[in-house]
Amino acid sequence: MAQKMIRREFRESDLAQIIEFKKQSAKTSFRGQKLKVDRFTARLTESVKKDPGMIRVLESNGTIAGYIWVGLSEGDFGKYGFLHQLFIHQDFRGRGLAQTLVKDAEKYLAKRGAKKMEILVTGTNCPAHKLYKKLKYKDTRIQMEKML
């Protein structure tokens, strides 16, 4: 039987699973750094209070398959969206779900006046970089960092 995939807004009951997803992604994208779960939770909760639609969840038969969290800001060149996080559980990857979430987020942000969406990709996350290139995102900057 095919699994029915539902796209919906974040619910408070999703928080524990979203935190687990964040921990999983942090292990690969931010090796050696300790995730401040309280800080992450506070930021996510504040974002939901401002605009519940900024966090979209994919659910399959009661199981969270992934989520996207975007934001909206205004800079020197107008309104723009940005991707806080995109995560698809490994059991659900390779089905185009991440692409679907990104396209949904683009539409959502455009309706709110964003002229572009910015994405920051960890240098070692080649699958994500490949996905964004496929979706017509361009490499525009290089971000550098050094642990102190």
N, C-alpha and C. Protein backbone atom coordinates (compact mmCIF):
# COMPACT_ATOMS: atom_id res chain seq x y z
N MET A 1 0.84 -1.19 0.00
CA MET A 1 0.00 0.00 0.00
C MET A 1 0.88 1.25 0.00
N ALA A 2 0.59 2.20 -0.87
CA ALA A 2 1.37 3.44 -0.95
C ALA A 2 1.12 4.30 0.29
N GLN A 3 2.18 4.94 0.72
CA GLN A 3 2.08 5.82 1.88
C GLN A 3 1.56 7.18 1.43
N LYS A 4 0.57 7.69 2.15
CA LYS A 4 0.02 9.01 1.86
C LYS A 4 0.87 10.05 2.58
N MET A 5 1.37 11.02 1.84
CA MET A 5 2.21 12.07 2.39
C MET A 5 1.38 13.33 2.54
N ILE A 6 1.39 13.89 3.75
CA ILE A 6 0.63 15.10 4.04
C ILE A 6 1.61 16.23 4.33
N ARG A 7 1.40 17.39 3.70
CA ARG A 7 2.17 18.60 4.01
C ARG A 7 1.28 19.47 4.89
N ARG A 8 1.82 19.90 6.03
CA ARG A 8 1.02 20.68 6.96
C ARG A 8 1.89 21.62 7.76
N GLU A 9 1.23 22.53 8.48
CA GLU A 9 1.95 23.42 9.38
C GLU A 9 2.45 22.65 10.60
N PHE A 10 3.48 23.17 11.20
CA PHE A 10 4.07 22.63 12.43
C PHE A 10 3.03 22.63 13.55
N ARG A 11 3.07 21.59 14.37
CA ARG A 11 2.26 21.50 15.58
C ARG A 11 3.22 21.38 16.77
N GLU A 12 2.79 21.85 17.91
CA GLU A 12 3.63 21.76 19.11
C GLU A 12 4.04 20.32 19.40
N SER A 13 3.19 19.37 19.08
CA SER A 13 3.50 17.96 19.31
C SER A 13 4.63 17.45 18.41
N ASP A 14 5.01 18.22 17.38
CA ASP A 14 6.11 17.85 16.48
C ASP A 14 7.48 18.19 17.06
N LEU A 15 7.50 19.01 18.08
CA LEU A 15 8.76 19.59 18.56
C LEU A 15 9.82 18.55 18.90
N ALA A 16 9.49 17.52 19.64
CA ALA A 16 10.49 16.52 20.03
C ALA A 16 11.14 15.87 18.81
N GLN A 17 10.34 15.53 17.80
CA GLN A 17 10.90 14.91 16.60
C GLN A 17 11.74 15.89 15.80
N ILE A 18 11.31 17.13 15.72
CA ILE A 18 12.09 18.15 15.00
C ILE A 18 13.44 18.35 15.69
N ILE A 19 13.45 18.34 17.01
CA ILE A 19 14.72 18.46 17.75
C ILE A 19 15.63 17.27 17.42
N GLU A 20 15.08 16.08 17.35
CA GLU A 20 15.89 14.91 16.98
C GLU A 20 16.45 15.05 15.57
N PHE A 21 15.64 15.54 14.64
CA PHE A 21 16.12 15.78 13.28
C PHE A 21 17.27 16.79 13.29
N LYS A 22 17.12 17.86 14.06
CA LYS A 22 18.16 18.88 14.15
C LYS A 22 19.45 18.27 14.70
N LYS A 23 19.34 17.43 15.72
CA LYS A 23 20.52 16.77 16.29
C LYS A 23 21.22 15.90 15.24
N GLN A 24 20.42 15.18 14.44
CA GLN A 24 20.99 14.34 13.40
C GLN A 24 21.75 15.17 12.37
N SER A 25 21.14 16.25 11.93
CA SER A 25 21.79 17.08 10.91
C SER A 25 23.02 17.79 11.49
N ALA A 26 22.96 18.16 12.76
CA ALA A 26 24.09 18.84 13.39
C ALA A 26 25.32 17.93 13.46
N LYS A 27 25.11 16.63 13.62
CA LYS A 27 26.23 15.69 13.69
C LYS A 27 27.05 15.69 12.41
N THR A 28 26.39 15.86 11.27
CA THR A 28 27.11 15.83 10.01
C THR A 28 27.51 17.23 9.53
N SER A 29 26.67 18.20 9.78
CA SER A 29 26.95 19.55 9.27
C SER A 29 27.81 20.38 10.21
N PHE A 30 27.80 20.07 11.49
CA PHE A 30 28.54 20.86 12.47
C PHE A 30 29.34 19.96 13.40
N ARG A 31 30.16 19.12 12.80
CA ARG A 31 30.96 18.15 13.58
C ARG A 31 31.78 18.84 14.65
N GLY A 32 31.75 18.24 15.83
CA GLY A 32 32.55 18.76 16.93
C GLY A 32 31.92 19.91 17.68
N GLN A 33 30.78 20.39 17.22
CA GLN A 33 30.11 21.50 17.90
C GLN A 33 28.89 20.96 18.65
N LYS A 34 28.62 21.54 19.79
CA LYS A 34 27.50 21.10 20.61
C LYS A 34 26.27 21.95 20.31
N LEU A 35 25.20 21.28 19.93
CA LEU A 35 23.94 21.96 19.66
C LEU A 35 23.35 22.48 20.95
N LYS A 36 22.96 23.73 20.96
CA LYS A 36 22.26 24.32 22.10
C LYS A 36 20.77 24.13 21.85
N VAL A 37 20.26 23.02 22.36
CA VAL A 37 18.88 22.62 22.11
C VAL A 37 17.91 23.68 22.61
N ASP A 38 18.17 24.26 23.77
CA ASP A 38 17.27 25.29 24.31
C ASP A 38 17.20 26.49 23.38
N ARG A 39 18.32 26.89 22.84
CA ARG A 39 18.36 28.03 21.91
C ARG A 39 17.61 27.70 20.63
N PHE A 40 17.87 26.52 20.08
CA PHE A 40 17.17 26.08 18.87
C PHE A 40 15.67 26.06 19.10
N THR A 41 15.24 25.48 20.22
CA THR A 41 13.82 25.38 20.56
C THR A 41 13.18 26.77 20.69
N ALA A 42 13.89 27.68 21.35
CA ALA A 42 13.36 29.04 21.52
C ALA A 42 13.20 29.74 20.18
N ARG A 43 14.19 29.61 19.30
CA ARG A 43 14.11 30.24 17.98
C ARG A 43 12.96 29.66 17.16
N LEU A 44 12.82 28.35 17.18
CA LEU A 44 11.77 27.69 16.43
C LEU A 44 10.39 28.10 16.97
N THR A 45 10.25 28.10 18.27
CA THR A 45 8.98 28.47 18.91
C THR A 45 8.62 29.91 18.59
N GLU A 46 9.58 30.80 18.64
CA GLU A 46 9.33 32.22 18.33
C GLU A 46 8.91 32.38 16.87
N SER A 47 9.55 31.63 15.99
CA SER A 47 9.19 31.69 14.58
C SER A 47 7.75 31.23 14.35
N VAL A 48 7.35 30.18 15.03
CA VAL A 48 5.97 29.67 14.91
C VAL A 48 4.97 30.70 15.41
N LYS A 49 5.31 31.39 16.49
CA LYS A 49 4.41 32.42 17.03
C LYS A 49 4.22 33.56 16.03
N LYS A 50 5.30 33.95 15.36
CA LYS A 50 5.23 35.05 14.38
C LYS A 50 4.42 34.65 13.16
N ASP A 51 4.68 33.45 12.64
CA ASP A 51 4.01 33.01 11.42
C ASP A 51 4.08 31.48 11.36
N PRO A 52 3.00 30.80 11.75
CA PRO A 52 3.01 29.33 11.79
C PRO A 52 3.36 28.67 10.46
N GLY A 53 3.10 29.35 9.36
CA GLY A 53 3.37 28.78 8.05
C GLY A 53 4.84 28.72 7.68
N MET A 54 5.70 29.32 8.48
CA MET A 54 7.14 29.31 8.18
C MET A 54 7.77 27.93 8.42
N ILE A 55 7.06 27.07 9.13
CA ILE A 55 7.56 25.71 9.37
C ILE A 55 6.52 24.74 8.84
N ARG A 56 6.92 23.97 7.85
CA ARG A 56 6.04 22.99 7.22
C ARG A 56 6.59 21.60 7.51
N VAL A 57 5.69 20.68 7.79
CA VAL A 57 6.04 19.31 8.14
C VAL A 57 5.47 18.36 7.09
N LEU A 58 6.24 17.33 6.78
CA LEU A 58 5.76 16.23 5.95
C LEU A 58 5.44 15.07 6.87
N GLU A 59 4.25 14.52 6.72
CA GLU A 59 3.83 13.42 7.58
C GLU A 59 3.34 12.27 6.73
N SER A 60 3.75 11.06 7.10
CA SER A 60 3.32 9.86 6.40
C SER A 60 2.79 8.87 7.42
N ASN A 61 1.51 8.58 7.35
CA ASN A 61 0.88 7.63 8.26
C ASN A 61 1.21 7.92 9.73
N GLY A 62 1.16 9.19 10.11
CA GLY A 62 1.40 9.58 11.49
C GLY A 62 2.87 9.76 11.85
N THR A 63 3.77 9.51 10.92
CA THR A 63 5.21 9.65 11.16
C THR A 63 5.73 10.89 10.45
N ILE A 64 6.52 11.69 11.14
CA ILE A 64 7.11 12.87 10.50
C ILE A 64 8.26 12.42 9.61
N ALA A 65 8.12 12.72 8.32
CA ALA A 65 9.13 12.33 7.34
C ALA A 65 10.18 13.42 7.15
N GLY A 66 9.82 14.66 7.46
CA GLY A 66 10.76 15.76 7.30
C GLY A 66 10.08 17.09 7.56
N TYR A 67 10.88 18.15 7.43
CA TYR A 67 10.33 19.49 7.64
C TYR A 67 11.21 20.53 6.97
N ILE A 68 10.62 21.69 6.78
CA ILE A 68 11.37 22.85 6.31
C ILE A 68 11.00 24.02 7.21
N TRP A 69 12.00 24.83 7.50
CA TRP A 69 11.81 26.03 8.33
C TRP A 69 12.44 27.19 7.58
N VAL A 70 11.62 28.16 7.23
CA VAL A 70 12.11 29.33 6.51
C VAL A 70 11.80 30.59 7.31
N GLY A 71 12.42 31.67 6.91
CA GLY A 71 12.18 32.96 7.55
C GLY A 71 12.02 34.03 6.50
N LEU A 72 11.56 35.18 6.93
CA LEU A 72 11.37 36.32 6.05
C LEU A 72 12.01 37.52 6.72
N SER A 73 12.78 38.27 5.96
CA SER A 73 13.45 39.44 6.50
C SER A 73 13.44 40.55 5.47
N GLU A 74 13.83 41.73 5.91
CA GLU A 74 13.95 42.85 4.98
C GLU A 74 15.34 43.43 5.14
N GLY A 75 16.03 43.52 4.02
CA GLY A 75 17.38 44.06 4.02
C GLY A 75 17.48 45.31 3.18
N ASP A 76 18.68 45.67 2.84
CA ASP A 76 18.94 46.88 2.05
C ASP A 76 18.34 46.82 0.65
N PHE A 77 18.04 45.61 0.18
CA PHE A 77 17.53 45.45 -1.18
C PHE A 77 16.10 44.92 -1.20
N GLY A 78 15.41 45.01 -0.08
CA GLY A 78 14.02 44.58 -0.02
C GLY A 78 13.83 43.30 0.78
N LYS A 79 12.62 42.76 0.69
CA LYS A 79 12.29 41.55 1.43
C LYS A 79 12.93 40.33 0.77
N TYR A 80 13.36 39.41 1.63
CA TYR A 80 13.92 38.15 1.13
C TYR A 80 13.60 37.04 2.13
N GLY A 81 13.53 35.84 1.60
CA GLY A 81 13.34 34.67 2.44
C GLY A 81 14.67 33.98 2.64
N PHE A 82 14.74 33.18 3.66
CA PHE A 82 15.95 32.40 3.89
C PHE A 82 15.57 31.06 4.51
N LEU A 83 16.38 30.09 4.22
CA LEU A 83 16.15 28.75 4.71
C LEU A 83 16.91 28.54 6.01
N HIS A 84 16.16 28.30 7.09
CA HIS A 84 16.81 27.95 8.36
C HIS A 84 17.26 26.50 8.32
N GLN A 85 16.33 25.62 7.93
CA GLN A 85 16.66 24.20 7.90
C GLN A 85 15.69 23.43 7.04
N LEU A 86 16.24 22.42 6.40
CA LEU A 86 15.47 21.45 5.63
C LEU A 86 15.99 20.09 6.02
N PHE A 87 15.11 19.19 6.39
CA PHE A 87 15.54 17.86 6.78
C PHE A 87 14.50 16.85 6.33
N ILE A 88 14.98 15.77 5.70
CA ILE A 88 14.15 14.63 5.33
C ILE A 88 14.76 13.41 5.99
N HIS A 89 13.95 12.66 6.72
CA HIS A 89 14.44 11.44 7.38
C HIS A 89 14.97 10.48 6.32
N GLN A 90 16.04 9.79 6.67
CA GLN A 90 16.73 8.92 5.69
C GLN A 90 15.79 7.88 5.05
N ASP A 91 14.79 7.43 5.76
CA ASP A 91 13.85 6.45 5.20
C ASP A 91 12.97 7.02 4.10
N PHE A 92 12.93 8.35 3.98
CA PHE A 92 12.06 9.00 3.01
C PHE A 92 12.83 9.76 1.92
N ARG A 93 14.14 9.67 1.94
CA ARG A 93 14.95 10.41 0.96
C ARG A 93 14.87 9.77 -0.42
N GLY A 94 15.19 10.58 -1.42
CA GLY A 94 15.21 10.09 -2.79
C GLY A 94 13.84 10.04 -3.46
N ARG A 95 12.87 10.70 -2.87
CA ARG A 95 11.49 10.70 -3.41
C ARG A 95 11.04 12.08 -3.89
N GLY A 96 11.96 13.05 -3.88
CA GLY A 96 11.59 14.39 -4.31
C GLY A 96 10.90 15.22 -3.25
N LEU A 97 10.90 14.75 -2.01
CA LEU A 97 10.19 15.45 -0.94
C LEU A 97 10.85 16.77 -0.57
N ALA A 98 12.17 16.78 -0.53
CA ALA A 98 12.88 18.03 -0.22
C ALA A 98 12.59 19.08 -1.29
N GLN A 99 12.61 18.67 -2.53
CA GLN A 99 12.31 19.57 -3.64
C GLN A 99 10.90 20.14 -3.49
N THR A 100 9.95 19.31 -3.13
CA THR A 100 8.57 19.75 -2.93
C THR A 100 8.48 20.79 -1.81
N LEU A 101 9.15 20.52 -0.70
CA LEU A 101 9.12 21.46 0.42
C LEU A 101 9.75 22.80 0.04
N VAL A 102 10.86 22.77 -0.67
CA VAL A 102 11.52 24.02 -1.07
C VAL A 102 10.61 24.82 -2.00
N LYS A 103 10.01 24.17 -2.97
CA LYS A 103 9.11 24.87 -3.90
C LYS A 103 7.91 25.46 -3.15
N ASP A 104 7.36 24.72 -2.20
CA ASP A 104 6.26 25.24 -1.39
C ASP A 104 6.71 26.48 -0.61
N ALA A 105 7.90 26.41 -0.03
CA ALA A 105 8.43 27.54 0.75
C ALA A 105 8.64 28.76 -0.14
N GLU A 106 9.14 28.55 -1.35
CA GLU A 106 9.33 29.66 -2.27
C GLU A 106 8.01 30.37 -2.56
N LYS A 107 6.98 29.61 -2.82
CA LYS A 107 5.66 30.19 -3.09
C LYS A 107 5.14 30.94 -1.86
N TYR A 108 5.30 30.34 -0.70
CA TYR A 108 4.82 30.95 0.55
C TYR A 108 5.52 32.29 0.78
N LEU A 109 6.83 32.31 0.60
CA LEU A 109 7.59 33.54 0.82
C LEU A 109 7.28 34.60 -0.24
N ALA A 110 7.12 34.17 -1.48
CA ALA A 110 6.79 35.11 -2.56
C ALA A 110 5.45 35.81 -2.29
N LYS A 111 4.49 35.07 -1.75
CA LYS A 111 3.19 35.66 -1.41
C LYS A 111 3.32 36.71 -0.31
N ARG A 112 4.38 36.62 0.45
CA ARG A 112 4.63 37.58 1.53
C ARG A 112 5.60 38.69 1.11
N GLY A 113 5.88 38.76 -0.18
CA GLY A 113 6.68 39.86 -0.70
C GLY A 113 8.16 39.60 -0.90
N ALA A 114 8.62 38.40 -0.62
CA ALA A 114 10.04 38.09 -0.82
C ALA A 114 10.37 38.07 -2.31
N LYS A 115 11.50 38.66 -2.65
CA LYS A 115 11.95 38.68 -4.04
C LYS A 115 12.95 37.57 -4.33
N LYS A 116 13.50 36.97 -3.28
CA LYS A 116 14.47 35.88 -3.44
C LYS A 116 14.49 35.05 -2.15
N MET A 117 15.10 33.88 -2.24
CA MET A 117 15.32 33.06 -1.05
C MET A 117 16.80 32.72 -0.99
N GLU A 118 17.37 32.93 0.18
CA GLU A 118 18.79 32.64 0.39
C GLU A 118 18.93 31.33 1.16
N ILE A 119 19.93 30.58 0.77
CA ILE A 119 20.20 29.29 1.41
C ILE A 119 21.69 29.22 1.73
N LEU A 120 22.00 28.86 2.95
CA LEU A 120 23.37 28.65 3.39
C LEU A 120 23.57 27.14 3.52
N VAL A 121 24.50 26.58 2.76
CA VAL A 121 24.73 25.14 2.74
C VAL A 121 26.11 24.84 3.32
N THR A 122 26.15 23.87 4.23
CA THR A 122 27.43 23.44 4.76
C THR A 122 28.27 22.87 3.62
N GLY A 123 29.54 23.22 3.59
CA GLY A 123 30.42 22.83 2.49
C GLY A 123 30.49 21.33 2.23
N THR A 124 30.29 20.53 3.26
CA THR A 124 30.38 19.07 3.10
C THR A 124 29.05 18.43 2.72
N ASN A 125 27.98 19.23 2.64
CA ASN A 125 26.66 18.68 2.34
C ASN A 125 26.41 18.70 0.83
N CYS A 126 27.11 17.83 0.14
CA CYS A 126 27.02 17.79 -1.33
C CYS A 126 25.62 17.45 -1.85
N PRO A 127 24.89 16.52 -1.22
CA PRO A 127 23.53 16.24 -1.72
C PRO A 127 22.63 17.48 -1.66
N ALA A 128 22.73 18.26 -0.60
CA ALA A 128 21.89 19.46 -0.49
C ALA A 128 22.30 20.48 -1.55
N HIS A 129 23.59 20.68 -1.72
CA HIS A 129 24.08 21.63 -2.72
C HIS A 129 23.59 21.23 -4.11
N LYS A 130 23.64 19.95 -4.40
CA LYS A 130 23.16 19.44 -5.69
C LYS A 130 21.66 19.71 -5.86
N LEU A 131 20.89 19.49 -4.80
CA LEU A 131 19.44 19.75 -4.85
C LEU A 131 19.17 21.22 -5.17
N TYR A 132 19.84 22.11 -4.47
CA TYR A 132 19.59 23.54 -4.66
C TYR A 132 20.01 23.99 -6.06
N LYS A 133 21.09 23.45 -6.58
CA LYS A 133 21.51 23.78 -7.95
C LYS A 133 20.43 23.31 -8.93
N LYS A 134 19.88 22.13 -8.68
CA LYS A 134 18.81 21.59 -9.53
C LYS A 134 17.59 22.52 -9.51
N LEU A 135 17.37 23.17 -8.38
CA LEU A 135 16.24 24.09 -8.23
C LEU A 135 16.59 25.51 -8.68
N LYS A 136 17.72 25.65 -9.37
CA LYS A 136 18.15 26.92 -9.99
C LYS A 136 18.75 27.94 -9.02
N TYR A 137 19.19 27.48 -7.84
CA TYR A 137 19.90 28.39 -6.94
C TYR A 137 21.33 28.52 -7.43
N LYS A 138 21.89 29.70 -7.23
CA LYS A 138 23.25 29.99 -7.70
C LYS A 138 24.17 30.20 -6.50
N ASP A 139 25.42 29.80 -6.68
CA ASP A 139 26.44 30.10 -5.67
C ASP A 139 26.74 31.59 -5.78
N THR A 140 26.51 32.34 -4.70
CA THR A 140 26.71 33.79 -4.76
C THR A 140 27.75 34.30 -3.77
N ARG A 141 28.00 33.57 -2.71
CA ARG A 141 28.96 34.02 -1.70
C ARG A 141 29.71 32.83 -1.15
N ILE A 142 30.78 33.09 -0.48
CA ILE A 142 31.51 32.07 0.26
C ILE A 142 31.52 32.52 1.71
N GLN A 143 31.02 31.67 2.59
CA GLN A 143 31.07 31.97 4.01
C GLN A 143 32.23 31.19 4.62
N MET A 144 33.01 31.86 5.42
CA MET A 144 34.15 31.21 6.05
C MET A 144 34.00 31.31 7.55
N GLU A 145 34.59 30.35 8.26
CA GLU A 145 34.59 30.41 9.71
C GLU A 145 35.82 29.72 10.27
N LYS A 146 36.10 30.05 11.49
CA LYS A 146 37.25 29.48 12.19
C LYS A 146 36.86 29.29 13.64
N MET A 147 37.08 28.12 14.19
CA MET A 147 36.77 27.87 15.59
C MET A 147 37.80 28.58 16.45
N LEU A 148 37.33 29.25 17.49
CA LEU A 148 38.22 29.97 18.42
C LEU A 148 38.26 29.30 19.77
